């Protein structure tokens, strides 16, 4: 069974940085090839894909509003994925979820494509 555990959220002032981590287990057993995504949901708003990455070919997609500010990466030896968030804005405030699914092409990272597994989420709050 796949388990995803996020960490690294918190309260930060606008312009600050945070790094989210997603510790994954069971992915290599469940899928031959998989995709990892960071999604977020703010109160009263729909879920949106922030950044997603394919494990095998390293293909990456970003939400337009975070391009140049956020970076997704992985440490395969640790089975951990990261989302480095710089120049944070109040509109980035949300619960961030790490999600995983079978690899697919083209890589989807939007609210209409449901990933199979999700962590419990970590709160990111950016104050103005």
Foldseek 3Di string as FASTA:
>chain_A
DKAWAKDWADEEAAQAKIKMKIQIPDPVVVEVWKKKWKWWDAPPDAIWTAKMATPPPGDMDGDPVQPPFWDWDDDVVRNMIMIIGGRDDQVVWTWMKMAMAYDDPPDDGTRVDDGDDIHPTDTHGYHD
